[in-house]
Amino acid sequence: MASMMRKLFVIAAAMAAASSVTGCMAAAAVGAAGVGLMAVQDRTIGQGIDDATASQEVKMRLLATDRAGYAEVDVEVANGALLLSGPAPSEQHRQTAEMVARSVASVHTVYNEIVVGPPSSLARSAQDELITAQIRTRFAASNAVRAVNINIETYSGNVYLMGTARSDHELQRAAEIAASTPGVRRVVSFMQVLAPRGVQSYAASLPPTPEYRGDDLAGGPTR
């Protein structure tokens, strides 16, 4: 019990220390290029800044808690939905990361896709970067997808899509394009549809395509 209390105290202290400098760091992270990108996205510049600030805040708090343990954890935020992905050394790290993410006021949904295990090899990381680049290029070349609205994270061949689509068809096409990219094992879409009634979460399962090598293609549940 005493050991657990000490751990919680260390986490709380790290979060407090990180939050004292988060505002300045986040403001620096959202530079002219970032604001320029937000201006052409379907989300507002204000929402884009909120998302970038939340992502930076969570990442800083995690690194302040355990720099080595969270070095490869990626934090992506789109329209208030936050995705945690990548490797962490223990289940406690995984649970702590989610607790930290949920503590940020502008975040309304957390998707915890952290995998407990060792860091990726350099070769595996390079392959994931290549997959992300290929998907981004294919999105840009597609008339059915507005690539600027979609964020892509890849870990160990697993692709996570975040952001917004203007219709169910666009959202479906984005998942299909990602799934048929060489080297992709699995696609999970956390994208949302911009509709007259507001932003709607997407969740659907699709059968594999002939080019698709993997387990499944699914939109994850809101957690």
Protein backbone atom coordinates (compact mmCIF):
# COMPACT_ATOMS: atom_id res chain seq x y z
CA MET A 1 0.00 0.00 0.00
CA ALA A 2 2.80 2.38 0.95
CA SER A 3 4.63 1.51 -2.28
CA MET A 4 1.50 2.24 -4.36
CA MET A 5 1.00 5.57 -2.56
CA ARG A 6 4.61 6.54 -3.32
CA LYS A 7 4.08 5.70 -7.00
CA LEU A 8 0.92 7.77 -7.18
CA PHE A 9 2.71 10.65 -5.47
CA VAL A 10 5.53 10.52 -8.01
CA ILE A 11 3.02 10.53 -10.88
CA ALA A 12 1.09 13.45 -9.39
CA ALA A 13 4.29 15.42 -8.80
CA ALA A 14 5.46 14.79 -12.36
CA MET A 15 2.11 15.90 -13.76
CA ALA A 16 2.22 19.10 -11.72
CA ALA A 17 5.78 19.87 -12.79
CA ALA A 18 4.99 19.25 -16.44
CA SER A 19 1.82 21.34 -16.40
CA SER A 20 3.75 24.39 -15.19
CA VAL A 21 5.62 24.62 -18.50
CA THR A 22 3.11 22.99 -20.82
CA GLY A 23 1.49 26.23 -21.95
CA CYS A 24 4.76 27.74 -23.22
CA MET A 25 5.92 24.53 -24.87
CA ALA A 26 2.59 23.90 -26.57
CA ALA A 27 2.47 27.46 -27.89
CA ALA A 28 5.94 27.00 -29.36
CA ALA A 29 4.91 23.68 -30.93
CA VAL A 30 2.00 25.28 -32.80
CA GLY A 31 4.04 27.47 -35.13
CA ALA A 32 3.15 29.26 -38.34
CA ALA A 33 3.27 26.04 -40.35
CA GLY A 34 0.88 24.33 -37.92
CA VAL A 35 -1.60 27.19 -38.02
CA GLY A 36 -1.37 27.25 -41.82
CA LEU A 37 -2.29 23.56 -41.96
CA MET A 38 -5.20 24.06 -39.56
CA ALA A 39 -6.54 26.83 -41.80
CA VAL A 40 -7.20 24.36 -44.63
CA GLN A 41 -8.63 21.59 -42.45
CA ASP A 42 -12.34 21.15 -41.74
CA ARG A 43 -11.79 21.71 -38.01
CA THR A 44 -11.51 25.28 -36.77
CA ILE A 45 -8.13 26.83 -35.99
CA GLY A 46 -9.24 27.05 -32.35
CA GLN A 47 -9.98 23.32 -32.25
CA GLY A 48 -6.66 22.59 -33.94
CA ILE A 49 -4.77 24.61 -31.35
CA ASP A 50 -6.69 22.88 -28.52
CA ASP A 51 -5.78 19.47 -30.00
CA ALA A 52 -2.10 20.35 -30.44
CA THR A 53 -1.95 21.74 -26.90
CA ALA A 54 -3.57 18.62 -25.44
CA SER A 55 -1.21 16.32 -27.34
CA GLN A 56 1.85 18.26 -26.17
CA GLU A 57 0.58 18.41 -22.58
CA VAL A 58 -0.03 14.66 -22.34
CA LYS A 59 3.32 13.79 -23.93
CA MET A 60 5.19 16.12 -21.58
CA ARG A 61 3.44 14.70 -18.53
CA LEU A 62 4.27 11.15 -19.60
CA LEU A 63 7.94 11.97 -20.17
CA ALA A 64 8.07 13.75 -16.81
CA THR A 65 6.70 10.59 -15.17
CA ASP A 66 9.09 8.14 -16.90
CA ARG A 67 11.12 9.43 -19.85
CA ALA A 68 12.51 6.05 -20.86
CA GLY A 69 9.25 4.18 -20.35
CA TYR A 70 7.18 6.56 -22.49
CA ALA A 71 9.81 7.49 -25.07
CA GLU A 72 8.04 5.62 -27.90
CA VAL A 73 4.44 6.28 -26.91
CA ASP A 74 2.72 8.44 -29.53
CA VAL A 75 -0.03 10.89 -28.59
CA GLU A 76 -2.42 12.04 -31.31
CA VAL A 77 -5.45 14.29 -30.74
CA ALA A 78 -8.19 15.10 -33.25
CA ASN A 79 -11.33 17.05 -32.35
CA GLY A 80 -10.94 16.23 -28.66
CA ALA A 81 -10.41 12.48 -29.21
CA LEU A 82 -7.00 11.27 -28.05
CA LEU A 83 -5.12 8.20 -29.28
CA LEU A 84 -2.29 6.57 -27.32
CA SER A 85 -0.21 4.12 -29.36
CA GLY A 86 3.22 2.48 -29.37
CA PRO A 87 5.08 0.34 -26.80
CA ALA A 88 5.40 0.75 -23.02
CA PRO A 89 7.28 -1.54 -20.61
CA SER A 90 4.42 -2.54 -18.28
CA GLU A 91 0.67 -2.63 -17.77
CA GLN A 92 1.08 0.00 -15.06
CA HIS A 93 2.65 2.31 -17.65
CA ARG A 94 -0.30 1.65 -19.95
CA GLN A 95 -2.87 2.46 -17.26
CA THR A 96 -0.98 5.54 -16.07
CA ALA A 97 -0.83 6.91 -19.61
CA GLU A 98 -4.60 6.64 -19.90
CA MET A 99 -5.07 8.32 -16.52
CA VAL A 100 -2.85 11.21 -17.61
CA ALA A 101 -4.70 11.53 -20.93
CA ARG A 102 -8.10 11.64 -19.22
CA SER A 103 -6.92 14.43 -16.90
CA VAL A 104 -6.74 16.96 -19.77
CA ALA A 105 -9.90 19.08 -19.86
CA SER A 106 -10.14 19.43 -23.65
CA VAL A 107 -10.01 15.65 -24.21
CA HIS A 108 -13.43 13.95 -24.24
CA THR A 109 -12.47 10.48 -25.53
CA VAL A 110 -9.35 8.35 -25.01
CA TYR A 111 -8.38 5.38 -27.21
CA ASN A 112 -5.65 3.39 -25.47
CA GLU A 113 -3.80 1.28 -28.04
CA ILE A 114 -0.50 1.10 -26.12
CA VAL A 115 1.14 -2.31 -26.42
CA VAL A 116 3.05 -3.71 -23.42
CA GLY A 117 6.42 -4.83 -24.72
CA PRO A 118 9.96 -3.83 -25.73
CA PRO A 119 10.72 -0.81 -27.95
CA SER A 120 10.60 -1.25 -31.73
CA SER A 121 13.78 -2.11 -33.59
CA LEU A 122 15.25 0.49 -35.95
CA ALA A 123 14.25 -1.67 -38.91
CA ARG A 124 10.67 -2.01 -37.69
CA SER A 125 10.40 1.73 -37.01
CA ALA A 126 11.68 2.46 -40.52
CA GLN A 127 9.10 0.09 -42.00
CA ASP A 128 6.32 1.80 -40.05
CA GLU A 129 7.48 5.22 -41.24
CA LEU A 130 7.44 3.95 -44.82
CA ILE A 131 3.91 2.56 -44.42
CA THR A 132 2.70 5.90 -43.03
CA ALA A 133 4.33 7.78 -45.92
CA GLN A 134 2.80 5.44 -48.51
CA ILE A 135 -0.69 5.78 -47.05
CA ARG A 136 -0.35 9.56 -46.90
CA THR A 137 0.73 9.63 -50.55
CA ARG A 138 -2.20 7.43 -51.59
CA PHE A 139 -4.64 9.61 -49.66
CA ALA A 140 -3.29 12.70 -51.40
CA ALA A 141 -3.72 11.04 -54.80
CA SER A 142 -7.31 9.96 -54.13
CA ASN A 143 -10.25 12.11 -55.21
CA ALA A 144 -12.41 10.36 -52.62
CA VAL A 145 -10.35 11.37 -49.58
CA ARG A 146 -9.41 14.80 -48.21
CA ALA A 147 -5.99 13.83 -46.91
CA VAL A 148 -5.42 17.02 -44.90
CA ASN A 149 -8.13 16.00 -42.42
CA ILE A 150 -6.61 12.59 -41.60
CA ASN A 151 -3.84 11.74 -39.14
CA ILE A 152 -2.01 8.42 -39.53
CA GLU A 153 -0.12 6.50 -36.84
CA THR A 154 1.61 3.18 -37.56
CA TYR A 155 3.10 0.80 -35.03
CA SER A 156 4.39 -2.66 -35.91
CA GLY A 157 2.31 -2.68 -39.10
CA ASN A 158 -0.87 -1.67 -37.27
CA VAL A 159 -2.34 1.52 -38.74
CA TYR A 160 -4.50 3.93 -36.75
CA LEU A 161 -6.54 6.60 -38.52
CA MET A 162 -7.66 9.75 -36.71
CA GLY A 163 -9.44 12.88 -37.90
CA THR A 164 -12.62 13.62 -39.82
CA ALA A 165 -14.40 12.65 -43.01
CA ARG A 166 -17.14 14.54 -44.86
CA SER A 167 -19.22 11.41 -45.47
CA ASP A 168 -19.48 7.73 -44.61
CA HIS A 169 -18.21 6.92 -48.10
CA GLU A 170 -15.04 9.00 -47.63
CA LEU A 171 -14.41 7.43 -44.26
CA GLN A 172 -14.86 3.95 -45.73
CA ARG A 173 -12.53 4.69 -48.64
CA ALA A 174 -9.82 5.97 -46.30
CA ALA A 175 -9.91 2.68 -44.37
CA GLU A 176 -9.86 0.64 -47.58
CA ILE A 177 -6.91 2.57 -49.02
CA ALA A 178 -4.93 2.11 -45.81
CA ALA A 179 -5.79 -1.60 -45.63
CA SER A 180 -4.56 -2.29 -49.18
CA THR A 181 -1.17 -0.61 -48.62
CA PRO A 182 1.77 -3.08 -48.69
CA GLY A 183 3.04 -4.05 -45.25
CA VAL A 184 -0.15 -3.19 -43.37
CA ARG A 185 -1.24 -5.89 -40.94
CA ARG A 186 -4.31 -4.23 -39.45
CA VAL A 187 -6.24 -0.98 -39.72
CA VAL A 188 -8.19 0.59 -36.88
CA SER A 189 -10.21 3.70 -37.72
CA PHE A 190 -11.10 6.19 -35.00
CA MET A 191 -12.16 8.77 -37.57
CA GLN A 192 -15.35 10.80 -37.18
CA VAL A 193 -17.91 11.87 -39.75
CA LEU A 194 -18.83 15.53 -40.08
CA ALA A 195 -22.59 15.54 -40.54
CA PRO A 196 -25.38 18.13 -40.19
CA ARG A 197 -26.09 16.73 -36.73
CA GLY A 198 -22.46 17.19 -35.73
CA VAL A 199 -19.41 14.97 -35.46
CA GLN A 200 -20.25 11.28 -35.35
CA SER A 201 -17.90 8.45 -34.41
CA TYR A 202 -17.29 5.74 -37.01
CA ALA A 203 -17.35 2.05 -36.24
CA ALA A 204 -17.54 -0.65 -38.87
CA SER A 205 -15.91 -3.90 -39.92
CA LEU A 206 -14.80 -4.66 -43.46
CA PRO A 207 -13.64 -7.92 -45.07
CA PRO A 208 -10.02 -8.07 -46.26
CA THR A 209 -9.23 -7.03 -49.84
CA PRO A 210 -6.97 -9.23 -52.04
CA GLU A 211 -4.01 -6.92 -51.30
CA TYR A 212 -4.79 -6.78 -47.60
CA ARG A 213 -2.66 -8.99 -45.39
CA GLY A 214 -3.87 -8.99 -41.82
CA ASP A 215 -6.36 -9.79 -39.13
CA ASP A 216 -9.12 -7.26 -39.36
CA LEU A 217 -10.23 -3.79 -40.32
CA ALA A 218 -12.36 -2.21 -37.67
CA GLY A 219 -13.37 1.01 -36.06
CA GLY A 220 -12.79 0.82 -32.33
CA PRO A 221 -15.44 1.54 -29.72
CA THR A 222 -15.52 4.78 -27.82
CA ARG A 223 -13.95 4.23 -24.44
